[in-house]
């Protein structure tokens, strides 16, 4: 009996939280007394947890949706400002957060665009020619859309 083809792979790409905003400053404050900030300062936090705190329900909804509907959990990626696409489980601390907050997410900023292009090309290879990459974020924004369409 012939094998049925594997279903197409579906990846999810999440736009980031604002890493230079008020909530990121609360998280990164070494004098903060709440448990999440203290853990962030000492051990770091998974990227998804840090971004969820920084943007609240908006990011929490995106990560929950992506984890539920991705064909493979390793195909969920979060856009970072200066380091391409990272897994939600990747642990970050204050140095990474500062790096994210110093970079402008602009279509003409190569510090953002070059790693983003590399990460997106690698993700496209993983999903294959019949798979799809779903952006959960600012779809109308050229900084993401134009590169995704190109790759």
Protein backbone atom coordinates (compact mmCIF):
# COMPACT_ATOMS: atom_id res chain seq x y z
CA UNK A 1 0.00 0.00 0.00
CA UNK A 2 1.51 3.40 -0.95
CA UNK A 3 2.44 5.79 1.82
CA UNK A 4 0.37 8.89 2.12
CA UNK A 5 2.41 12.08 1.88
CA UNK A 6 3.34 13.82 5.08
CA UNK A 7 1.13 16.81 5.83
CA UNK A 8 2.68 20.19 5.06
CA UNK A 9 4.66 21.71 7.88
CA UNK A 10 3.41 24.92 9.46
CA UNK A 11 5.70 27.28 11.32
CA UNK A 12 4.74 30.34 13.32
CA UNK A 13 6.76 33.51 13.46
CA UNK A 14 5.89 35.92 16.29
CA UNK A 15 6.60 39.61 16.26
CA UNK A 16 8.47 40.70 19.38
CA UNK A 17 7.50 42.62 22.45
CA UNK A 18 8.86 46.15 22.90
CA UNK A 19 12.14 45.54 24.72
CA UNK A 20 12.74 49.18 25.62
CA UNK A 21 9.34 49.92 27.14
CA UNK A 22 8.21 50.51 30.71
CA UNK A 23 7.48 46.85 31.46
CA UNK A 24 10.87 45.73 30.14
CA UNK A 25 12.49 48.31 32.39
CA UNK A 26 10.59 46.88 35.36
CA UNK A 27 11.79 43.39 34.50
CA UNK A 28 15.39 44.50 34.01
CA UNK A 29 15.57 46.60 37.17
CA UNK A 30 18.16 44.94 39.45
CA UNK A 31 16.36 46.41 42.49
CA UNK A 32 12.95 44.96 41.55
CA UNK A 33 11.38 42.92 44.34
CA UNK A 34 8.84 40.83 42.43
CA UNK A 35 9.72 37.18 41.80
CA UNK A 36 9.72 37.24 37.99
CA UNK A 37 12.20 40.12 37.85
CA UNK A 38 14.43 38.50 40.47
CA UNK A 39 14.45 35.28 38.48
CA UNK A 40 15.19 37.24 35.30
CA UNK A 41 18.15 38.89 37.04
CA UNK A 42 19.65 35.71 38.44
CA UNK A 43 18.75 32.79 36.15
CA UNK A 44 17.14 34.45 33.14
CA UNK A 45 13.74 33.65 31.68
CA UNK A 46 12.52 31.87 28.58
CA UNK A 47 12.13 34.46 25.83
CA UNK A 48 8.37 33.83 25.59
CA UNK A 49 7.93 34.43 29.33
CA UNK A 50 9.90 37.68 29.22
CA UNK A 51 7.98 38.93 26.17
CA UNK A 52 4.67 37.89 27.72
CA UNK A 53 5.42 40.01 30.76
CA UNK A 54 6.52 42.94 28.62
CA UNK A 55 3.44 43.00 26.40
CA UNK A 56 0.82 41.17 28.45
CA UNK A 57 -2.16 39.61 26.76
CA UNK A 58 -1.06 40.48 23.23
CA UNK A 59 2.02 38.26 23.28
CA UNK A 60 0.42 35.65 25.54
CA UNK A 61 -2.29 35.10 22.93
CA UNK A 62 0.21 34.82 20.09
CA UNK A 63 2.44 32.28 21.83
CA UNK A 64 -0.53 30.17 22.97
CA UNK A 65 -1.93 30.10 19.42
CA UNK A 66 1.43 29.24 17.86
CA UNK A 67 2.11 26.43 20.32
CA UNK A 68 -1.34 24.98 19.72
CA UNK A 69 -1.32 25.05 15.91
CA UNK A 70 2.32 24.60 14.85
CA UNK A 71 2.89 21.25 13.19
CA UNK A 72 6.03 20.87 15.30
CA UNK A 73 6.93 22.86 18.47
CA UNK A 74 10.41 23.46 17.10
CA UNK A 75 8.81 25.49 14.29
CA UNK A 76 7.69 28.31 16.60
CA UNK A 77 10.09 31.25 16.43
CA UNK A 78 10.17 34.75 17.88
CA UNK A 79 11.64 37.66 15.94
CA UNK A 80 14.42 39.43 17.84
CA UNK A 81 15.82 42.85 17.03
CA UNK A 82 19.41 41.80 16.51
CA UNK A 83 19.71 38.02 16.64
CA UNK A 84 17.36 36.55 14.03
CA UNK A 85 14.69 34.09 15.16
CA UNK A 86 14.83 32.44 18.55
CA UNK A 87 12.91 29.59 20.11
CA UNK A 88 10.39 30.64 22.78
CA UNK A 89 12.22 28.44 25.32
CA UNK A 90 15.59 30.13 24.83
CA UNK A 91 16.65 31.70 28.12
CA UNK A 92 17.53 35.38 28.08
CA UNK A 93 18.76 37.78 30.72
CA UNK A 94 19.42 41.50 31.04
CA UNK A 95 22.24 41.61 28.43
CA UNK A 96 20.04 40.16 25.70
CA UNK A 97 17.17 42.44 26.68
CA UNK A 98 19.41 45.49 26.44
CA UNK A 99 20.57 44.34 23.00
CA UNK A 100 16.98 43.94 21.81
CA UNK A 101 16.04 47.39 23.08
CA UNK A 102 18.88 49.17 21.29
CA UNK A 103 17.99 48.12 17.75
CA UNK A 104 15.38 49.71 15.51
CA UNK A 105 13.06 47.24 13.74
CA UNK A 106 13.23 49.10 10.44
CA UNK A 107 13.07 47.79 6.90
CA UNK A 108 16.29 49.65 6.07
CA UNK A 109 18.22 48.71 9.25
CA UNK A 110 20.68 45.98 8.26
CA UNK A 111 21.50 45.17 11.91
CA UNK A 112 17.92 43.91 12.12
CA UNK A 113 17.36 42.80 8.52
CA UNK A 114 20.43 40.62 7.96
CA UNK A 115 19.86 38.23 10.89
CA UNK A 116 16.11 38.26 10.17
CA UNK A 117 16.73 37.21 6.55
CA UNK A 118 19.12 34.42 7.61
CA UNK A 119 16.71 33.12 10.23
CA UNK A 120 13.75 33.26 7.89
CA UNK A 121 15.66 31.43 5.14
CA UNK A 122 16.60 28.67 7.60
CA UNK A 123 12.99 28.40 8.78
CA UNK A 124 11.75 28.23 5.18
CA UNK A 125 14.13 25.34 4.49
CA UNK A 126 12.77 23.49 7.52
CA UNK A 127 9.13 23.81 6.48
CA UNK A 128 9.92 22.85 2.90
CA UNK A 129 8.37 23.94 -0.38
CA UNK A 130 4.83 22.87 0.56
CA UNK A 131 4.87 24.22 4.10
CA UNK A 132 3.89 27.63 5.37
CA UNK A 133 5.15 30.28 7.74
CA UNK A 134 2.43 32.22 9.54
CA UNK A 135 3.30 35.64 10.93
CA UNK A 136 1.53 36.53 14.15
CA UNK A 137 2.14 40.23 14.37
CA UNK A 138 2.25 43.30 12.20
CA UNK A 139 1.34 41.79 8.83
CA UNK A 140 1.05 45.16 7.09
CA UNK A 141 4.53 46.18 8.16
CA UNK A 142 7.07 46.04 5.31
CA UNK A 143 9.92 45.24 7.70
CA UNK A 144 8.48 41.73 8.11
CA UNK A 145 6.19 41.25 5.12
CA UNK A 146 8.58 42.19 2.33
CA UNK A 147 11.31 39.81 3.48
CA UNK A 148 8.83 36.99 4.08
CA UNK A 149 7.35 37.33 0.61
CA UNK A 150 10.81 37.44 -0.95
CA UNK A 151 12.09 34.34 0.87
